[in-house]
Every structure is written in structure tokens, then in C-alpha cells.
């Protein structure tokens, strides 16, 4: 399999890659499908949300994302846009224009249905778009699945794949590994590091210049997101009345650095990112929005406090993407599918691998670091309070970053030999997710989401 680092790590907006970015992309795709379709007057678009999208769609701004997508917007186009103001305008409109300037009826308050019945069997994040005439007869229908990380599959695509992934085959890849075991064997036989192998795979699809520019853009966006979060305060939207804390925490650390610990710095950076995500602002999906703070926090600490170079940044991101691709291929990064172990757990494994690589770890130590980080997130549920990506998500990213850093340094103290292979840990995560109750997979029907007492 092959999934590009520039697809796995991509710039978008919060609060969720699967519940905001994915539905926006799906709505945009449906709109594009109508380019060549005959549209009778008074045709109307309707959307039905299924599974996790229905249960936590309000808190994750899924309905707003659909409105944006149907009006022609994509996540990457909204990075420097005041989305709140734009949404306030669009939510009061009852019509949309197609790419050919035809007019369709669409009222967000009536035409988006949150179906709290059973999820679709193929995936817990389902969206059904319909074009109907004035007699409510269906003219066109398409089902999409938001499969995590902003990726979207149609019903036809998801039925044809063993796992619902937008990946390419390995025919073009000089190092086409599908598992951590294959990755280690290829590294040992070729003498290439994981980052070097990943880079060569990327260069079969793009130029060296495009790859470097893409990695630099990702890193620039990560830094900007951290700095934005460290300079913002106030309440986060959604009604839970969560105060931003990263700015105040960071100021305390800056004012008394001799009293600070590594853990506090990592938490400040990770929380800054996820507070920005909760506000619906620009983040890098890494590999999801709910886990967007882990990788930037660890990498930012390495650059700012340990003087990692720009070459180190590239090595970190390429190594992290190699691990993330294996996890996505053999399990899932979707909280609605396997719980938060697939989001923060995957992000921690990727960050641990990247950090281990730039600290001089060999391929076996890097694989060990990823396994340690993932292992200690197994079984973690996704139970956001009020369906918002705030509690426990913001703090959880800080702890994910801490575990990632610890896993990397622990692996570096060893030889790379260990009992539990990364592949076995990924398989355990998948099995755990399959057997986990849907109450704990981004539906806000169990765990912390129903344990809070509101006064």
C-alpha cells in the first residue's frame, strides 16, 4: 500500500477530520456530481447522517460542514476565513448554486436529518445525499463514508476494499511495505532508514521540490497553529464553557523556566493546537483533528528546546507517516470505528517513531518506540462530552505527547529487540475496536460523556 505523507498530514480546519472535514468533502463531491445531471426546477438536496455522525454531528459541526461543502467550499480553502461569520450567512440561505449556476433548494434546518437509528453496516460514519423533485421522488442518490482523517469513500468504493482506504498499490514503490515487519526487513536488506525508504516511495509520485515544499508547508502550519493557540484566550464555542488554558500555562512556563518539566511544555503545545481545533480554526490533520496536537507538540519541542534541524523535521514527518500509513492500512485512525486508541494512540505512535528517528534510533528502535506508544493507548474510548472535541480531547493530546516522548526515549535505551511487535499491537487495536461497544466510539452515549453532572 502507499499513502502519501501529504495526504496523511494535511492542513484543514477543526473541530473534526471525520465529522467536519470528511462531510464537507462528501457534500462538495455530491455537488460536483450534479455537473452533468439534468436538474428540474424546484429540485432539492437532502442529507441524512447515520451512526456517529448523527449522534455527535451537532457538537462536531457536521451540519455546518455540509452547508459549506454544498456551497462549494473545501477545508483547505477556509484556513484564513472567518468561518463563524460565513456559516452565519449560509445557514440562513435556502438555495445553493451548482457549478453550472443552476439553483437548487436546500434549507439546512429542514434538509439535514440526524438519524439516530442503526448505523450503516459498512462504517459508523455514513452520509446519504439525495436529489429529489417537487414530489419527493429521488432523482439521484449517493452514500458516502467519512472514514477518518478527512478521507471519504463512496458505497461502491468501500465495498470493493478490504479496508476503506484511499491508497495506491505498491507497483511504483521501491519499498512497498504493508506491515512493520516488511518495513524492518526492507530496511535491513537495503541499509536504508525508514525515512529514506518513505522518501523514495514519495518521489515516485512527485518531484523532490514538491515533496520538500509540502513538508515545509505542513511544518509551517503546525507552528502557526501552536503559536495561534498560545496567544489566544477566552471560552471555546459549543456551550460547555471550556476556558482556553494553553496561553496561561505557557506564560507560567516562560516566566519560570527553571521550575518547568518536559511534560508541562508538551502539554502547553499540544493543548494550544487542540484548543484551536475546538474553535474550528486551522490545524494539521495528524492523522486526525481530534489527535492533531500530539505530533506538532513533540516536534515543536524537539526544534525549540533540543535544536532539531529542518532536515530533522523532514525525517520526523516522513518516519511518522510511514508508521501512520501502516496503522491506517491494517487497522483504523477513526474514533468512530475503534475509539480514541485509533486517534491519539496512532498519533502518539507516529510521534514516538519520528522523535526516535531524529534522535538517532535505528529502524528496530523506531518500530519499538511506535509499539510502546500505541500499546499504552489500547482500549482508550472516544467519549466526548456533549459531542464536542474538548473534554477529554484537549488534555488527552497533551498526555499523548508525553507518552510519545517517553516511548521514544525508552526505545532508545534498548537494542530494538522487544516482545510485542508493532504489527501485533496494531492487530490488537483493531480487535479491541471491533469488540468495543458503540457507546464508546464517538457517539457520546457512554463513559465521560454521560458521567458529567451539569448544575
Protein backbone atom coordinates (compact mmCIF):
# COMPACT_ATOMS: atom_id res chain seq x y z
CA UNK A 1 0.00 0.00 0.00
CA UNK A 2 1.00 3.60 -0.40
CA UNK A 3 -0.43 6.66 1.26
CA UNK A 4 1.43 9.92 0.85
CA UNK A 5 2.73 11.88 3.80
CA UNK A 6 1.00 14.89 2.22
CA UNK A 7 -2.34 13.07 2.38
CA UNK A 8 -1.93 11.65 5.86
CA UNK A 9 -0.80 15.04 7.21
CA UNK A 10 -2.87 17.79 5.63
CA UNK A 11 -3.96 21.29 6.51
CA UNK A 12 -7.63 21.77 7.31
CA UNK A 13 -9.98 23.23 9.89
CA UNK A 14 -11.48 21.97 13.15
CA UNK A 15 -13.11 20.56 15.07
CA UNK A 16 -13.02 17.07 13.49
CA UNK A 17 -11.45 15.43 10.48
CA UNK A 18 -14.08 12.68 10.32
CA UNK A 19 -17.11 14.72 11.39
CA UNK A 20 -16.27 18.11 9.86
CA UNK A 21 -13.70 17.80 7.09
CA UNK A 22 -14.95 14.47 5.71
CA UNK A 23 -18.62 15.53 5.48
CA UNK A 24 -17.58 18.81 3.87
CA UNK A 25 -15.62 16.90 1.23
CA UNK A 26 -18.55 14.49 0.71
CA UNK A 27 -21.02 17.36 0.23
CA UNK A 28 -18.64 19.01 -2.22
CA UNK A 29 -18.29 15.74 -4.15
CA UNK A 30 -22.06 15.35 -4.40
CA UNK A 31 -22.38 18.90 -5.67
CA UNK A 32 -19.74 18.16 -8.33
CA UNK A 33 -21.64 15.05 -9.40
CA UNK A 34 -24.55 17.27 -10.39
CA UNK A 35 -22.46 18.96 -13.09
CA UNK A 36 -23.71 16.63 -15.81
CA UNK A 37 -27.07 15.82 -14.28
CA UNK A 38 -30.31 17.28 -15.61
CA UNK A 39 -31.78 19.38 -12.82
CA UNK A 40 -35.52 20.06 -12.98
CA UNK A 41 -36.80 23.28 -11.44
CA UNK A 42 -37.55 23.07 -7.70
CA UNK A 43 -35.12 20.15 -7.20
CA UNK A 44 -33.99 19.85 -3.60
CA UNK A 45 -30.94 18.35 -1.88
CA UNK A 46 -31.42 16.33 1.29
CA UNK A 47 -28.80 14.77 3.55
CA UNK A 48 -29.22 12.03 6.14
CA UNK A 49 -26.50 11.50 8.76
CA UNK A 50 -26.05 7.99 10.14
CA UNK A 51 -24.26 6.47 13.09
CA UNK A 52 -21.69 8.56 14.92
CA UNK A 53 -22.26 11.49 12.56
CA UNK A 54 -25.87 11.62 13.75
CA UNK A 55 -25.13 11.26 17.45
CA UNK A 56 -22.28 13.80 17.71
CA UNK A 57 -22.78 15.75 14.49
CA UNK A 58 -24.10 18.86 16.23
CA UNK A 59 -21.14 19.08 18.59
CA UNK A 60 -18.71 18.39 15.74
CA UNK A 61 -20.34 20.96 13.41
CA UNK A 62 -21.21 18.29 10.84
CA UNK A 63 -24.30 20.16 9.67
CA UNK A 64 -22.26 23.31 9.18
CA UNK A 65 -19.64 21.36 7.24
CA UNK A 66 -22.31 20.02 4.89
CA UNK A 67 -23.60 23.54 4.29
CA UNK A 68 -20.08 24.71 3.46
CA UNK A 69 -19.45 21.77 1.13
CA UNK A 70 -22.70 22.25 -0.76
CA UNK A 71 -21.83 25.92 -1.24
CA UNK A 72 -18.56 24.88 -2.88
CA UNK A 73 -16.09 25.18 -0.01
CA UNK A 74 -13.35 22.71 0.98
CA UNK A 75 -11.36 22.63 4.25
CA UNK A 76 -8.12 23.88 2.70
CA UNK A 77 -9.95 26.91 1.24
CA UNK A 78 -11.12 28.07 4.67
CA UNK A 79 -7.81 28.31 6.55
CA UNK A 80 -7.75 32.12 6.62
CA UNK A 81 -11.53 32.58 6.56
CA UNK A 82 -13.77 33.72 9.40
CA UNK A 83 -15.80 30.51 9.25
CA UNK A 84 -18.22 31.57 12.01
CA UNK A 85 -19.30 34.64 10.05
CA UNK A 86 -19.51 32.68 6.81
CA UNK A 87 -21.63 29.96 8.42
CA UNK A 88 -23.95 32.54 9.96
CA UNK A 89 -24.64 33.83 6.45
CA UNK A 90 -25.03 30.45 4.76
CA UNK A 91 -27.24 28.85 7.40
CA UNK A 92 -29.96 31.38 6.61
CA UNK A 93 -29.95 30.69 2.89
CA UNK A 94 -32.47 28.26 1.41
CA UNK A 95 -30.85 27.81 -2.00
CA UNK A 96 -27.48 26.79 -3.43
CA UNK A 97 -25.93 27.17 -6.86
CA UNK A 98 -24.42 24.26 -8.76
CA UNK A 99 -21.08 24.54 -10.61
CA UNK A 100 -23.15 25.40 -13.71
CA UNK A 101 -25.02 28.17 -11.87
CA UNK A 102 -28.25 26.23 -11.63
CA UNK A 103 -30.25 26.78 -8.47
CA UNK A 104 -31.24 24.03 -6.05
CA UNK A 105 -33.39 24.22 -2.93
CA UNK A 106 -31.59 23.42 0.30
CA UNK A 107 -32.65 24.55 3.77
CA UNK A 108 -30.15 23.39 6.42
CA UNK A 109 -32.79 23.42 9.15
CA UNK A 110 -35.08 21.06 7.24
CA UNK A 111 -32.93 19.14 4.78
CA UNK A 112 -30.27 17.71 7.12
CA UNK A 113 -31.63 14.76 9.10
CA UNK A 114 -29.81 13.35 12.13
CA UNK A 115 -30.91 9.72 12.02
CA UNK A 116 -30.38 8.18 15.47
CA UNK A 117 -31.28 4.69 14.28
CA UNK A 118 -28.81 1.94 13.40
CA UNK A 119 -25.61 2.89 11.61
CA UNK A 120 -24.94 1.72 8.09
CA UNK A 121 -23.23 -1.70 8.15
CA UNK A 122 -20.16 -0.63 6.16
CA UNK A 123 -18.91 2.10 8.53
CA UNK A 124 -20.23 4.09 11.52
CA UNK A 125 -19.79 7.46 9.75
CA UNK A 126 -22.34 7.43 6.93
CA UNK A 127 -23.92 10.25 4.91
CA UNK A 128 -26.69 9.80 2.35
CA UNK A 129 -27.24 12.64 -0.13
CA UNK A 130 -30.36 12.73 -2.27
CA UNK A 131 -31.58 14.99 -5.04
CA UNK A 132 -35.39 14.96 -5.05
CA UNK A 133 -38.03 16.62 -7.21
CA UNK A 134 -41.06 18.61 -6.07
CA UNK A 135 -42.94 15.34 -5.49
CA UNK A 136 -40.13 13.99 -3.25
CA UNK A 137 -39.15 11.45 -5.87
CA UNK A 138 -35.44 10.63 -5.75
CA UNK A 139 -33.58 11.76 -8.85
CA UNK A 140 -30.05 10.94 -7.66
CA UNK A 141 -28.66 9.34 -4.54
CA UNK A 142 -25.14 8.79 -3.24
CA UNK A 143 -23.86 7.31 0.01
CA UNK A 144 -20.52 8.41 1.44
CA UNK A 145 -18.48 7.29 4.42
CA UNK A 146 -16.17 9.58 6.36
CA UNK A 147 -13.50 7.05 7.30
CA UNK A 148 -11.18 9.19 9.45
CA UNK A 149 -8.50 11.76 8.79
CA UNK A 150 -10.73 13.64 6.32
CA UNK A 151 -10.81 10.68 3.91
CA UNK A 152 -14.08 9.84 2.18
CA UNK A 153 -15.27 6.68 0.37
CA UNK A 154 -18.43 6.05 -1.65
CA UNK A 155 -20.56 2.98 -1.08
CA UNK A 156 -19.10 1.38 -4.21
CA UNK A 157 -15.53 2.09 -3.10
CA UNK A 158 -15.97 0.82 0.42
CA UNK A 159 -17.48 -2.47 -0.82
CA UNK A 160 -14.51 -3.11 -3.08
CA UNK A 161 -11.85 -2.68 -0.42
CA UNK A 162 -10.70 -4.88 2.43
CA UNK A 163 -10.34 -1.69 4.45
CA UNK A 164 -11.93 1.60 3.43
CA UNK A 165 -8.80 3.41 2.40
CA UNK A 166 -7.80 5.71 -0.40
CA UNK A 167 -4.43 4.16 -1.07
CA UNK A 168 -2.42 3.23 -4.13
CA UNK A 169 -0.87 -0.14 -4.75
CA UNK A 170 2.83 -0.76 -4.37
CA UNK A 171 3.71 -1.23 -8.03
CA UNK A 172 5.57 2.08 -8.21
CA UNK A 173 7.11 1.94 -4.74
CA UNK A 174 10.70 0.73 -4.43
CA UNK A 175 9.92 -0.04 -0.77
CA UNK A 176 6.30 -1.14 -0.79
CA UNK A 177 5.88 -2.36 2.77
CA UNK A 178 2.40 -3.29 4.05
CA UNK A 179 3.45 -4.04 7.61
CA UNK A 180 6.06 -3.08 10.17
CA UNK A 181 7.73 -6.48 9.71
CA UNK A 182 8.13 -5.89 5.97
CA UNK A 183 9.39 -2.38 6.68
CA UNK A 184 12.10 -3.68 9.01
CA UNK A 185 13.17 -6.42 6.60
CA UNK A 186 13.45 -3.93 3.73
CA UNK A 187 15.40 -1.52 5.90
CA UNK A 188 17.82 -4.25 6.97
CA UNK A 189 18.39 -5.60 3.46
CA UNK A 190 18.75 -2.17 1.81
CA UNK A 191 20.62 -0.33 4.53
CA UNK A 192 18.09 2.50 4.19
CA UNK A 193 16.40 4.20 7.13
CA UNK A 194 12.59 4.28 7.39
CA UNK A 195 12.58 7.96 6.37
CA UNK A 196 14.83 7.27 3.39
CA UNK A 197 12.57 4.46 2.19
CA UNK A 198 9.48 6.59 2.66
CA UNK A 199 11.09 9.47 0.78
CA UNK A 200 11.94 7.24 -2.19
CA UNK A 201 8.37 5.95 -2.30
CA UNK A 202 7.10 9.54 -2.33
CA UNK A 203 9.47 10.53 -5.15
CA UNK A 204 7.85 8.01 -7.48
CA UNK A 205 4.70 10.16 -7.28
CA UNK A 206 6.09 13.68 -7.03
CA UNK A 207 9.24 15.73 -7.52
CA UNK A 208 11.82 16.37 -4.83
CA UNK A 209 10.85 20.03 -4.90
CA UNK A 210 7.15 19.31 -4.40
CA UNK A 211 7.88 16.93 -1.54
CA UNK A 212 10.14 19.40 0.27
CA UNK A 213 7.67 22.23 -0.24
CA UNK A 214 4.84 20.05 1.05
CA UNK A 215 6.74 19.01 4.17
CA UNK A 216 7.75 22.62 4.84
CA UNK A 217 4.14 23.76 4.44
CA UNK A 218 2.95 21.14 6.90
CA UNK A 219 5.56 22.17 9.45
CA UNK A 220 4.83 25.90 8.94
CA UNK A 221 1.13 25.26 9.51
CA UNK A 222 1.86 23.23 12.65
CA UNK A 223 3.98 26.03 14.09
CA UNK A 224 1.41 28.65 13.20
CA UNK A 225 -1.31 26.62 14.87
CA UNK A 226 0.72 26.26 18.07
CA UNK A 227 1.55 29.97 18.15
CA UNK A 228 -2.08 30.92 17.48
CA UNK A 229 -3.18 28.72 20.37
CA UNK A 230 -0.53 30.07 22.72
CA UNK A 231 -1.74 33.61 22.08
CA UNK A 232 -5.49 33.07 22.39
CA UNK A 233 -7.75 33.03 25.41
CA UNK A 234 -11.44 33.03 26.25
CA UNK A 235 -14.22 30.45 26.14
CA UNK A 236 -14.37 27.79 23.45
CA UNK A 237 -17.62 27.57 21.46
CA UNK A 238 -20.24 24.88 21.92
CA UNK A 239 -21.86 25.64 25.27
CA UNK A 240 -19.66 23.56 27.54
CA UNK A 241 -17.95 26.76 28.76
CA UNK A 242 -14.44 25.37 28.49
CA UNK A 243 -11.79 28.04 29.01
CA UNK A 244 -8.64 28.04 26.92
CA UNK A 245 -5.68 27.20 29.17
CA UNK A 246 -2.65 26.85 26.89
CA UNK A 247 -1.80 30.56 26.87
CA UNK A 248 -1.86 30.87 30.66
CA UNK A 249 0.10 27.63 31.11
CA UNK A 250 2.70 28.72 28.57
CA UNK A 251 3.13 32.12 30.24
CA UNK A 252 3.83 30.42 33.55
CA UNK A 253 6.47 28.22 31.93
CA UNK A 254 8.13 31.15 30.18
CA UNK A 255 8.18 33.21 33.40
CA UNK A 256 9.79 30.43 35.46
CA UNK A 257 11.55 28.02 33.07
CA UNK A 258 13.79 26.64 35.80
CA UNK A 259 10.71 25.22 37.51
CA UNK A 260 9.27 23.60 34.37
CA UNK A 261 9.18 19.99 33.32
CA UNK A 262 9.23 18.47 29.87
CA UNK A 263 5.66 17.29 30.43
CA UNK A 264 4.37 20.81 31.00
CA UNK A 265 5.91 22.14 27.80
CA UNK A 266 4.47 19.27 25.79
CA UNK A 267 1.03 19.81 27.30
CA UNK A 268 1.14 23.54 26.57
CA UNK A 269 1.98 22.95 22.91
CA UNK A 270 -0.48 20.10 22.39
CA UNK A 271 -3.32 21.87 24.17
CA UNK A 272 -2.68 25.02 22.14
CA UNK A 273 -3.31 23.03 18.97
CA UNK A 274 -6.43 21.30 20.20
CA UNK A 275 -7.92 24.48 21.57
CA UNK A 276 -7.52 25.92 18.09
CA UNK A 277 -9.15 22.79 16.70
CA UNK A 278 -12.07 23.09 19.14
CA UNK A 279 -12.53 26.68 17.98
CA UNK A 280 -12.87 25.50 14.38
CA UNK A 281 -9.61 27.11 13.32
CA UNK A 282 -6.74 25.89 11.14
CA UNK A 283 -4.97 22.68 12.21
CA UNK A 284 -2.97 19.94 10.54
CA UNK A 285 -4.82 16.63 10.48
CA UNK A 286 -2.15 14.46 12.11
CA UNK A 287 -3.53 11.92 11.46
CA UNK A 288 -6.91 13.25 12.66
CA UNK A 289 -8.15 16.55 14.05
CA UNK A 290 -9.05 15.05 17.40
CA UNK A 291 -5.40 13.99 17.73
CA UNK A 292 -3.92 16.99 15.94
CA UNK A 293 -1.83 18.22 18.87
CA UNK A 294 0.39 15.21 19.56
CA UNK A 295 2.77 15.26 16.58
CA UNK A 296 3.17 19.07 16.44
CA UNK A 297 3.83 19.25 20.19
CA UNK A 298 6.59 16.63 20.14
CA UNK A 299 8.20 18.06 17.01
CA UNK A 300 7.92 21.67 18.24
CA UNK A 301 9.62 20.69 21.49
CA UNK A 302 12.41 18.94 19.59
CA UNK A 303 13.01 22.03 17.43
CA UNK A 304 12.58 24.73 20.06
CA UNK A 305 14.20 23.05 23.05
CA UNK A 306 16.53 20.47 21.52
CA UNK A 307 17.59 22.37 18.36
CA UNK A 308 16.36 19.86 15.79
CA UNK A 309 17.19 21.00 12.25
CA UNK A 310 14.95 21.40 9.20
CA UNK A 311 16.34 18.12 7.86
CA UNK A 312 15.32 16.55 11.16
CA UNK A 313 11.80 17.93 10.66
CA UNK A 314 11.57 16.18 7.29
CA UNK A 315 12.94 12.94 8.75
CA UNK A 316 10.45 13.14 11.62
CA UNK A 317 7.45 13.69 9.35
CA UNK A 318 8.43 11.00 6.84
CA UNK A 319 9.04 8.45 9.59
CA UNK A 320 5.78 9.34 11.32
CA UNK A 321 3.89 9.00 8.04
CA UNK A 322 5.40 5.57 7.38
CA UNK A 323 4.08 4.35 10.74
CA UNK A 324 0.73 6.10 10.28
CA UNK A 325 0.26 4.50 6.89
CA UNK A 326 0.80 1.01 8.33
CA UNK A 327 -1.70 1.68 11.11
CA UNK A 328 -4.29 3.06 8.71
CA UNK A 329 -3.80 0.15 6.33
CA UNK A 330 -4.07 -2.60 8.94
CA UNK A 331 -6.47 -1.03 11.43
CA UNK A 332 -8.07 2.41 11.62
CA UNK A 333 -7.44 6.00 12.69
CA UNK A 334 -11.16 6.70 13.12
CA UNK A 335 -12.50 7.28 16.63
CA UNK A 336 -15.96 6.25 15.43
CA UNK A 337 -14.54 2.92 14.29
CA UNK A 338 -12.05 1.93 17.01
CA UNK A 339 -12.25 4.63 19.69
CA UNK A 340 -9.61 7.16 20.68
CA UNK A 341 -6.90 4.50 20.61
CA UNK A 342 -7.09 4.93 16.83
CA UNK A 343 -6.71 8.70 17.04
CA UNK A 344 -4.47 9.77 19.93
CA UNK A 345 -2.94 6.29 20.06
CA UNK A 346 -1.97 6.39 16.40
CA UNK A 347 -0.70 9.96 16.70
CA UNK A 348 1.46 9.01 19.70
CA UNK A 349 2.93 6.04 17.83
CA UNK A 350 3.74 8.26 14.84
CA UNK A 351 5.28 10.96 17.04
CA UNK A 352 7.33 8.44 19.01
CA UNK A 353 8.70 6.96 15.80
CA UNK A 354 9.57 10.38 14.38
CA UNK A 355 11.30 11.52 17.56
CA UNK A 356 13.23 8.27 17.89
CA UNK A 357 14.43 8.67 14.29
CA UNK A 358 15.82 12.18 14.73
CA UNK A 359 17.48 11.19 17.99
CA UNK A 360 19.50 8.60 16.12
CA UNK A 361 17.41 5.49 16.61
CA UNK A 362 17.82 2.56 14.25
CA UNK A 363 14.82 1.11 12.42
CA UNK A 364 14.25 -1.54 15.10
CA UNK A 365 14.27 1.08 17.84
CA UNK A 366 11.87 3.27 15.85
CA UNK A 367 9.44 0.36 15.44
CA UNK A 368 9.80 -0.34 19.15
CA UNK A 369 9.05 3.29 20.02
CA UNK A 370 5.88 3.25 17.93
CA UNK A 371 4.75 0.00 19.55
CA UNK A 372 5.34 1.26 23.09
CA UNK A 373 3.33 4.41 22.44
CA UNK A 374 0.45 2.59 20.79
CA UNK A 375 0.39 -0.23 23.33
CA UNK A 376 -0.29 2.17 26.17
CA UNK A 377 -3.31 3.65 24.44
CA UNK A 378 -5.03 0.32 23.75
CA UNK A 379 -8.67 0.31 24.82
CA UNK A 380 -8.96 4.11 25.01
CA UNK A 381 -12.53 5.12 24.35
CA UNK A 382 -13.85 8.09 22.38
CA UNK A 383 -16.48 9.64 24.66
CA UNK A 384 -16.54 13.43 24.07
CA UNK A 385 -18.74 15.36 26.48
CA UNK A 386 -21.68 16.98 24.65
CA UNK A 387 -20.22 15.69 21.40
CA UNK A 388 -17.60 18.46 21.48
CA UNK A 389 -13.92 17.86 20.73
CA UNK A 390 -12.95 19.45 24.05
CA UNK A 391 -13.33 17.21 27.11
CA UNK A 392 -11.35 14.97 27.37
CA UNK A 393 -9.81 15.54 23.92
CA UNK A 394 -7.72 18.65 24.60
CA UNK A 395 -5.88 17.32 27.66
CA UNK A 396 -5.69 13.85 26.11
CA UNK A 397 -3.45 15.24 23.36
CA UNK A 398 -1.05 16.54 25.97
CA UNK A 399 -0.81 13.12 27.58
CA UNK A 400 -0.45 11.52 24.15
CA UNK A 401 2.56 13.74 23.51
CA UNK A 402 4.06 12.81 26.87
CA UNK A 403 3.64 9.10 26.15
CA UNK A 404 5.16 9.55 22.71
CA UNK A 405 8.25 11.27 24.09
CA UNK A 406 8.62 8.67 26.83
CA UNK A 407 8.23 5.82 24.34
CA UNK A 408 10.94 7.23 22.07
CA UNK A 409 13.47 7.74 24.86
CA UNK A 410 12.71 4.33 26.36
CA UNK A 411 13.19 2.63 23.00
CA UNK A 412 16.49 4.44 22.52
CA UNK A 413 17.73 2.89 25.79
CA UNK A 414 17.18 -0.57 24.34
CA UNK A 415 18.50 -2.50 21.37
CA UNK A 416 15.26 -2.58 19.43
CA UNK A 417 14.52 -6.15 20.45
CA UNK A 418 11.20 -6.49 22.29
CA UNK A 419 8.42 -8.98 22.96
CA UNK A 420 5.40 -7.38 21.28
CA UNK A 421 5.80 -6.45 17.59
CA UNK A 422 4.13 -3.30 16.32
CA UNK A 423 2.06 -5.36 13.87
CA UNK A 424 0.62 -7.42 16.74
CA UNK A 425 -0.17 -4.24 18.66
CA UNK A 426 -1.98 -2.80 15.62
CA UNK A 427 -3.95 -6.04 15.28
CA UNK A 428 -4.88 -5.86 18.97
CA UNK A 429 -6.09 -2.29 18.49
CA UNK A 430 -8.29 -3.36 15.60
CA UNK A 431 -9.77 -6.28 17.54
CA UNK A 432 -10.34 -4.10 20.60
CA UNK A 433 -12.12 -1.53 18.46
CA UNK A 434 -14.33 -4.16 16.84
CA UNK A 435 -15.38 -5.52 20.22
CA UNK A 436 -15.80 -2.09 21.85
CA UNK A 437 -19.38 -1.01 22.43
CA UNK A 438 -20.64 1.68 20.05
CA UNK A 439 -21.34 3.75 23.18
CA UNK A 440 -17.61 4.38 23.45
CA UNK A 441 -16.93 5.14 19.78
CA UNK A 442 -17.70 8.83 19.24
CA UNK A 443 -21.42 8.62 19.90
CA UNK A 444 -21.33 10.36 23.32
CA UNK A 445 -23.59 7.60 24.69
CA UNK A 446 -21.21 6.29 27.34
CA UNK A 447 -18.17 6.97 29.51
CA UNK A 448 -17.30 10.54 30.35
CA UNK A 449 -19.99 11.83 28.01
CA UNK A 450 -22.73 10.59 30.33
CA UNK A 451 -20.86 10.88 33.62
CA UNK A 452 -20.78 14.66 33.88
CA UNK A 453 -23.25 16.33 36.22
CA UNK A 454 -24.38 19.71 34.97
CA UNK A 455 -25.58 22.14 37.64
